Amino acid sequence: MALSQQLSQTLREMTLVSLSPDNTVHFAARIMSEYRADVVVLKRRGCVVGMLTLRDLAARVSALGRDPEVTALSAVMTAASAASMTGGIGMAGR
């Protein structure tokens, strides 16, 4: 099977996980574990507002000693840049 076919098949089999930025870090970590997801898309009223990655969890929660039970995803997410909100693909860090 050609690489492009393998990639296409892999992408079709992937489950995209999306949550609200108002959810807690603890809830997101449980969902990410359940779905074996390295990244979660964050949406508000159907619009993408950012994403949460395993790196975000490590660097912005664990390393800073934040309480995952009360920390909202909006406080630690990688926010979508203006370009990505208008059709581009960039993401802006905090």
Foldseek 3Di string as FASTA:
>chain_A
DDPVVVVVVVVVPQDAAEDALQDFQVVVVVVCVVRVHQKHFHDDPRATFFMDGPVLCVPVDVVVPHDRVRHGNVRRTFTADPQVRVPHDDTHGD
